[in-house]
């Protein structure tokens, strides 16, 4: 993957995570997230949306496709962006830098659900 592709993917992932509806995809919370109070869920999603703590340790490819943070009273939260070739989510995309050829899925989960 080229640095240009990684930069494009990171920009698309950031836009998608922040709610840009022009980037095709879906957002999911796992059963553990869904079991939390609506207020906690809202705060967790806000932290996912505003996440900016990318480093070599959590973002080795520079794609901004993973994040983790502590959430008071809940524990560690993970979020991950995966790329599929279409909205049926059957096949991985080989071109996540191209929104016409990729469908993003953002999953937010409790770390112990991983």
N, C-alpha and C. Protein backbone atom coordinates (compact mmCIF):
# COMPACT_ATOMS: atom_id res chain seq x y z
N UNK A 1 0.86 -1.18 0.00
CA UNK A 1 0.00 0.00 0.00
C UNK A 1 0.89 1.23 0.00
N UNK A 2 0.53 2.19 -0.80
CA UNK A 2 1.33 3.41 -0.87
C UNK A 2 0.98 4.35 0.28
N UNK A 3 1.90 5.26 0.58
CA UNK A 3 1.63 6.25 1.63
C UNK A 3 0.43 7.11 1.25
N UNK A 4 0.28 7.39 -0.06
CA UNK A 4 -0.86 8.19 -0.51
C UNK A 4 -2.15 7.45 -0.24
N UNK A 5 -2.19 6.15 -0.52
CA UNK A 5 -3.40 5.36 -0.23
C UNK A 5 -3.69 5.34 1.26
N UNK A 6 -2.66 5.16 2.08
CA UNK A 6 -2.86 5.13 3.53
C UNK A 6 -3.41 6.48 4.02
N UNK A 7 -2.89 7.56 3.49
CA UNK A 7 -3.39 8.89 3.87
C UNK A 7 -4.85 9.06 3.45
N UNK A 8 -5.18 8.62 2.24
CA UNK A 8 -6.56 8.71 1.76
C UNK A 8 -7.48 7.86 2.62
N UNK A 9 -7.04 6.64 2.95
CA UNK A 9 -7.85 5.75 3.79
C UNK A 9 -8.06 6.39 5.17
N UNK A 10 -7.01 6.95 5.74
CA UNK A 10 -7.13 7.60 7.06
C UNK A 10 -8.12 8.75 7.00
N UNK A 11 -8.04 9.56 5.96
CA UNK A 11 -8.98 10.69 5.81
C UNK A 11 -10.41 10.19 5.66
N UNK A 12 -10.62 9.14 4.85
CA UNK A 12 -11.96 8.59 4.68
C UNK A 12 -12.47 7.98 5.99
N UNK A 13 -11.60 7.25 6.69
CA UNK A 13 -12.00 6.66 7.97
C UNK A 13 -12.37 7.72 8.99
N UNK A 14 -11.60 8.79 9.05
CA UNK A 14 -11.91 9.88 9.98
C UNK A 14 -13.25 10.52 9.63
N UNK A 15 -13.45 10.79 8.37
CA UNK A 15 -14.72 11.38 7.94
C UNK A 15 -15.89 10.44 8.25
N UNK A 16 -15.73 9.16 7.95
CA UNK A 16 -16.78 8.19 8.20
C UNK A 16 -17.09 8.10 9.69
N UNK A 17 -16.04 7.98 10.50
CA UNK A 17 -16.21 7.86 11.95
C UNK A 17 -16.91 9.08 12.53
N UNK A 18 -16.67 10.23 11.92
CA UNK A 18 -17.28 11.48 12.40
C UNK A 18 -18.69 11.70 11.84
N UNK A 19 -19.16 10.77 11.00
CA UNK A 19 -20.55 10.82 10.56
C UNK A 19 -20.79 11.31 9.15
N UNK A 20 -19.76 11.44 8.34
CA UNK A 20 -19.93 11.88 6.95
C UNK A 20 -20.75 10.85 6.18
N UNK A 21 -21.95 11.22 5.81
CA UNK A 21 -22.87 10.30 5.13
C UNK A 21 -22.51 10.08 3.65
N UNK A 22 -21.52 10.79 3.15
CA UNK A 22 -21.07 10.57 1.78
C UNK A 22 -20.14 9.36 1.68
N UNK A 23 -19.68 8.88 2.82
CA UNK A 23 -18.82 7.69 2.85
C UNK A 23 -19.72 6.49 3.10
N UNK A 24 -19.84 5.56 2.15
CA UNK A 24 -20.74 4.42 2.32
C UNK A 24 -20.31 3.51 3.48
N UNK A 25 -21.29 3.14 4.30
CA UNK A 25 -20.98 2.21 5.37
C UNK A 25 -22.05 2.17 6.44
N UNK A 26 -21.75 1.38 7.48
CA UNK A 26 -22.65 1.21 8.62
C UNK A 26 -21.86 1.30 9.92
N UNK A 27 -22.57 1.61 10.97
CA UNK A 27 -21.99 1.68 12.31
C UNK A 27 -22.74 0.71 13.22
N UNK A 28 -21.96 -0.05 13.99
CA UNK A 28 -22.55 -1.04 14.89
C UNK A 28 -21.99 -0.91 16.28
N UNK A 29 -22.81 -1.16 17.26
CA UNK A 29 -22.37 -1.37 18.63
C UNK A 29 -22.66 -2.82 18.96
N UNK A 30 -21.76 -3.46 19.65
CA UNK A 30 -21.95 -4.87 20.02
C UNK A 30 -23.01 -5.00 21.11
N UNK A 31 -23.31 -6.24 21.47
CA UNK A 31 -24.30 -6.49 22.52
C UNK A 31 -23.88 -5.85 23.84
N UNK A 32 -22.58 -5.85 24.13
CA UNK A 32 -22.10 -5.22 25.36
C UNK A 32 -22.34 -3.73 25.39
N UNK A 33 -22.16 -3.08 24.25
CA UNK A 33 -22.43 -1.64 24.16
C UNK A 33 -23.93 -1.40 24.27
N UNK A 34 -24.72 -2.21 23.58
CA UNK A 34 -26.18 -2.05 23.59
C UNK A 34 -26.77 -2.26 24.98
N UNK A 35 -26.08 -3.03 25.84
CA UNK A 35 -26.58 -3.30 27.18
C UNK A 35 -26.36 -2.12 28.14
N UNK A 36 -25.55 -1.17 27.73
CA UNK A 36 -25.28 -0.01 28.57
C UNK A 36 -26.45 0.98 28.50
N UNK A 37 -26.49 1.88 29.44
CA UNK A 37 -27.55 2.89 29.43
C UNK A 37 -27.43 3.76 28.18
N UNK A 38 -28.53 4.31 27.71
CA UNK A 38 -28.48 5.20 26.54
C UNK A 38 -27.49 6.36 26.74
N UNK A 39 -27.40 6.89 27.95
CA UNK A 39 -26.48 8.00 28.21
C UNK A 39 -25.02 7.55 28.02
N UNK A 40 -24.68 6.38 28.56
CA UNK A 40 -23.31 5.86 28.39
C UNK A 40 -23.02 5.58 26.92
N UNK A 41 -23.99 5.01 26.23
CA UNK A 41 -23.79 4.74 24.80
C UNK A 41 -23.50 6.04 24.04
N UNK A 42 -24.27 7.06 24.34
CA UNK A 42 -24.08 8.35 23.68
C UNK A 42 -22.68 8.91 23.94
N UNK A 43 -22.23 8.81 25.17
CA UNK A 43 -20.90 9.32 25.52
C UNK A 43 -19.79 8.50 24.86
N UNK A 44 -19.98 7.20 24.78
CA UNK A 44 -18.99 6.34 24.11
C UNK A 44 -18.91 6.69 22.64
N UNK A 45 -20.06 6.81 21.97
CA UNK A 45 -20.05 7.17 20.55
C UNK A 45 -19.42 8.54 20.34
N UNK A 46 -19.63 9.45 21.26
CA UNK A 46 -19.00 10.78 21.14
C UNK A 46 -17.48 10.65 21.24
N UNK A 47 -17.00 9.77 22.13
CA UNK A 47 -15.55 9.57 22.25
C UNK A 47 -14.98 8.91 20.99
N UNK A 48 -15.73 7.98 20.40
CA UNK A 48 -15.29 7.35 19.15
C UNK A 48 -15.19 8.42 18.05
N UNK A 49 -16.20 9.24 17.97
CA UNK A 49 -16.25 10.28 16.94
C UNK A 49 -15.10 11.26 17.07
N UNK A 50 -14.73 11.60 18.29
CA UNK A 50 -13.69 12.61 18.49
C UNK A 50 -12.30 12.00 18.70
N UNK A 51 -12.16 10.70 18.61
CA UNK A 51 -10.89 10.03 18.87
C UNK A 51 -9.79 10.59 17.96
N UNK A 52 -8.64 10.92 18.56
CA UNK A 52 -7.51 11.44 17.78
C UNK A 52 -6.17 10.95 18.31
N UNK A 53 -6.18 9.96 19.20
CA UNK A 53 -4.96 9.49 19.85
C UNK A 53 -4.30 8.38 19.04
N UNK A 54 -3.97 8.66 17.80
CA UNK A 54 -3.34 7.66 16.93
C UNK A 54 -1.84 7.66 17.16
N UNK A 55 -1.26 6.46 17.19
CA UNK A 55 0.18 6.32 17.39
C UNK A 55 0.65 5.09 16.61
N UNK A 56 1.95 4.90 16.58
CA UNK A 56 2.51 3.71 15.92
C UNK A 56 1.97 2.43 16.56
N UNK A 57 1.69 2.48 17.86
CA UNK A 57 1.21 1.30 18.57
C UNK A 57 -0.20 0.90 18.20
N UNK A 58 -1.09 1.85 17.94
CA UNK A 58 -2.48 1.50 17.63
C UNK A 58 -2.84 1.77 16.18
N UNK A 59 -1.90 2.33 15.41
CA UNK A 59 -2.18 2.68 14.02
C UNK A 59 -0.92 2.47 13.16
N UNK A 60 -0.39 1.24 13.14
CA UNK A 60 0.90 1.01 12.47
C UNK A 60 0.88 1.26 10.96
N UNK A 61 -0.29 1.19 10.34
CA UNK A 61 -0.37 1.40 8.89
C UNK A 61 -0.84 2.80 8.54
N UNK A 62 -1.13 3.62 9.55
CA UNK A 62 -1.53 5.00 9.32
C UNK A 62 -2.90 5.16 8.69
N UNK A 63 -3.81 4.19 8.93
CA UNK A 63 -5.13 4.22 8.30
C UNK A 63 -6.24 4.73 9.23
N UNK A 64 -5.94 4.98 10.48
CA UNK A 64 -6.96 5.43 11.45
C UNK A 64 -8.16 4.48 11.47
N UNK A 65 -7.85 3.17 11.51
CA UNK A 65 -8.91 2.17 11.45
C UNK A 65 -9.16 1.45 12.78
N UNK A 66 -8.49 1.89 13.85
CA UNK A 66 -8.65 1.27 15.15
C UNK A 66 -8.38 2.30 16.24
N UNK A 67 -9.11 2.15 17.35
CA UNK A 67 -8.85 3.00 18.50
C UNK A 67 -9.29 2.29 19.76
N UNK A 68 -8.73 2.71 20.87
CA UNK A 68 -9.08 2.15 22.17
C UNK A 68 -8.99 3.26 23.21
N UNK A 69 -9.88 3.20 24.18
CA UNK A 69 -9.86 4.18 25.26
C UNK A 69 -10.56 3.61 26.48
N UNK A 70 -10.24 4.17 27.62
CA UNK A 70 -10.90 3.81 28.87
C UNK A 70 -12.17 4.63 29.00
N UNK A 71 -13.22 3.97 29.45
CA UNK A 71 -14.47 4.68 29.70
C UNK A 71 -14.87 4.43 31.14
N UNK A 72 -14.98 5.47 31.90
CA UNK A 72 -15.24 5.41 33.34
C UNK A 72 -16.45 4.53 33.66
N UNK A 73 -16.22 3.58 34.54
CA UNK A 73 -17.32 2.72 34.98
C UNK A 73 -17.62 1.56 34.05
N UNK A 74 -16.99 1.53 32.89
CA UNK A 74 -17.24 0.46 31.91
C UNK A 74 -15.97 -0.33 31.64
N UNK A 75 -14.86 0.36 31.51
CA UNK A 75 -13.59 -0.29 31.18
C UNK A 75 -13.10 0.14 29.81
N UNK A 76 -12.33 -0.72 29.21
CA UNK A 76 -11.71 -0.41 27.92
C UNK A 76 -12.70 -0.62 26.78
N UNK A 77 -12.73 0.35 25.88
CA UNK A 77 -13.58 0.32 24.69
C UNK A 77 -12.69 0.24 23.46
N UNK A 78 -13.03 -0.64 22.53
CA UNK A 78 -12.35 -0.72 21.23
C UNK A 78 -13.31 -0.28 20.14
N UNK A 79 -12.77 0.33 19.10
CA UNK A 79 -13.54 0.56 17.88
C UNK A 79 -12.65 0.17 16.71
N UNK A 80 -13.28 -0.32 15.64
CA UNK A 80 -12.55 -0.82 14.48
C UNK A 80 -13.33 -0.55 13.22
N UNK A 81 -12.61 -0.12 12.17
CA UNK A 81 -13.22 0.05 10.84
C UNK A 81 -12.73 -1.09 9.96
N UNK A 82 -13.67 -1.79 9.34
CA UNK A 82 -13.35 -2.84 8.37
C UNK A 82 -13.87 -2.41 7.01
N UNK A 83 -13.32 -3.01 5.96
CA UNK A 83 -13.67 -2.62 4.59
C UNK A 83 -14.22 -3.81 3.83
N UNK A 84 -15.35 -3.60 3.20
CA UNK A 84 -15.99 -4.64 2.40
C UNK A 84 -16.18 -4.14 0.97
N UNK A 85 -16.37 -5.09 0.05
CA UNK A 85 -16.54 -4.74 -1.35
C UNK A 85 -17.94 -4.19 -1.64
N UNK A 86 -18.90 -4.52 -0.78
CA UNK A 86 -20.27 -4.04 -0.99
C UNK A 86 -21.05 -4.07 0.32
N UNK A 87 -22.28 -3.58 0.26
CA UNK A 87 -23.08 -3.48 1.47
C UNK A 87 -23.56 -4.83 2.01
N UNK A 88 -23.42 -5.90 1.23
CA UNK A 88 -23.76 -7.23 1.74
C UNK A 88 -22.69 -7.73 2.71
N UNK A 89 -21.55 -7.09 2.73
CA UNK A 89 -20.45 -7.38 3.64
C UNK A 89 -19.98 -8.84 3.56
N UNK A 90 -19.94 -9.36 2.34
CA UNK A 90 -19.51 -10.74 2.13
C UNK A 90 -18.02 -10.86 1.83
N UNK A 91 -17.46 -9.86 1.18
CA UNK A 91 -16.07 -9.93 0.72
C UNK A 91 -15.34 -8.66 1.14
N UNK A 92 -14.11 -8.84 1.53
CA UNK A 92 -13.28 -7.69 1.87
C UNK A 92 -12.96 -6.86 0.65
N UNK A 93 -12.82 -5.58 0.84
CA UNK A 93 -12.48 -4.68 -0.26
C UNK A 93 -10.97 -4.65 -0.44
N UNK A 94 -10.54 -4.69 -1.70
CA UNK A 94 -9.11 -4.55 -1.98
C UNK A 94 -8.76 -3.11 -2.33
N UNK A 95 -9.73 -2.20 -2.19
CA UNK A 95 -9.50 -0.79 -2.52
C UNK A 95 -10.17 0.13 -1.50
N UNK A 96 -9.79 0.05 -0.22
CA UNK A 96 -10.44 0.90 0.77
C UNK A 96 -10.19 2.39 0.57
N UNK A 97 -9.28 2.73 -0.31
CA UNK A 97 -9.01 4.13 -0.63
C UNK A 97 -10.01 4.68 -1.65
N UNK A 98 -10.87 3.82 -2.18
CA UNK A 98 -11.83 4.21 -3.22
C UNK A 98 -13.25 3.95 -2.70
N UNK A 99 -14.01 5.02 -2.45
CA UNK A 99 -15.36 4.85 -1.89
C UNK A 99 -16.32 4.15 -2.85
N UNK A 100 -16.01 4.14 -4.13
CA UNK A 100 -16.85 3.43 -5.09
C UNK A 100 -16.62 1.92 -5.02
N UNK A 101 -15.51 1.51 -4.40
CA UNK A 101 -15.17 0.10 -4.33
C UNK A 101 -15.08 -0.42 -2.90
N UNK A 102 -15.58 0.37 -1.96
CA UNK A 102 -15.48 -0.07 -0.57
C UNK A 102 -16.69 0.40 0.23
N UNK A 103 -17.01 -0.40 1.23
CA UNK A 103 -18.12 -0.16 2.14
C UNK A 103 -17.55 -0.33 3.54
N UNK A 104 -17.58 0.71 4.33
CA UNK A 104 -16.98 0.69 5.65
C UNK A 104 -17.96 0.20 6.71
N UNK A 105 -17.42 -0.52 7.68
CA UNK A 105 -18.20 -0.95 8.83
C UNK A 105 -17.41 -0.57 10.08
N UNK A 106 -18.02 0.28 10.89
CA UNK A 106 -17.42 0.69 12.16
C UNK A 106 -18.10 -0.09 13.28
N UNK A 107 -17.30 -0.84 14.04
CA UNK A 107 -17.82 -1.61 15.15
C UNK A 107 -17.23 -1.06 16.45
N UNK A 108 -18.09 -0.81 17.41
CA UNK A 108 -17.67 -0.35 18.74
C UNK A 108 -18.01 -1.47 19.72
N UNK A 109 -17.03 -1.83 20.58
CA UNK A 109 -17.22 -2.97 21.47
C UNK A 109 -16.51 -2.78 22.80
N UNK A 110 -16.96 -3.51 23.78
CA UNK A 110 -16.21 -3.64 25.02
C UNK A 110 -14.98 -4.47 24.72
N UNK A 111 -13.84 -4.14 25.33
CA UNK A 111 -12.61 -4.87 25.04
C UNK A 111 -12.76 -6.36 25.31
N UNK A 112 -13.52 -6.73 26.33
CA UNK A 112 -13.66 -8.17 26.62
C UNK A 112 -14.55 -8.90 25.63
N UNK A 113 -15.15 -8.19 24.68
CA UNK A 113 -15.93 -8.83 23.63
C UNK A 113 -15.07 -9.17 22.42
N UNK A 114 -13.85 -8.68 22.43
CA UNK A 114 -12.97 -8.89 21.27
C UNK A 114 -12.55 -10.34 21.18
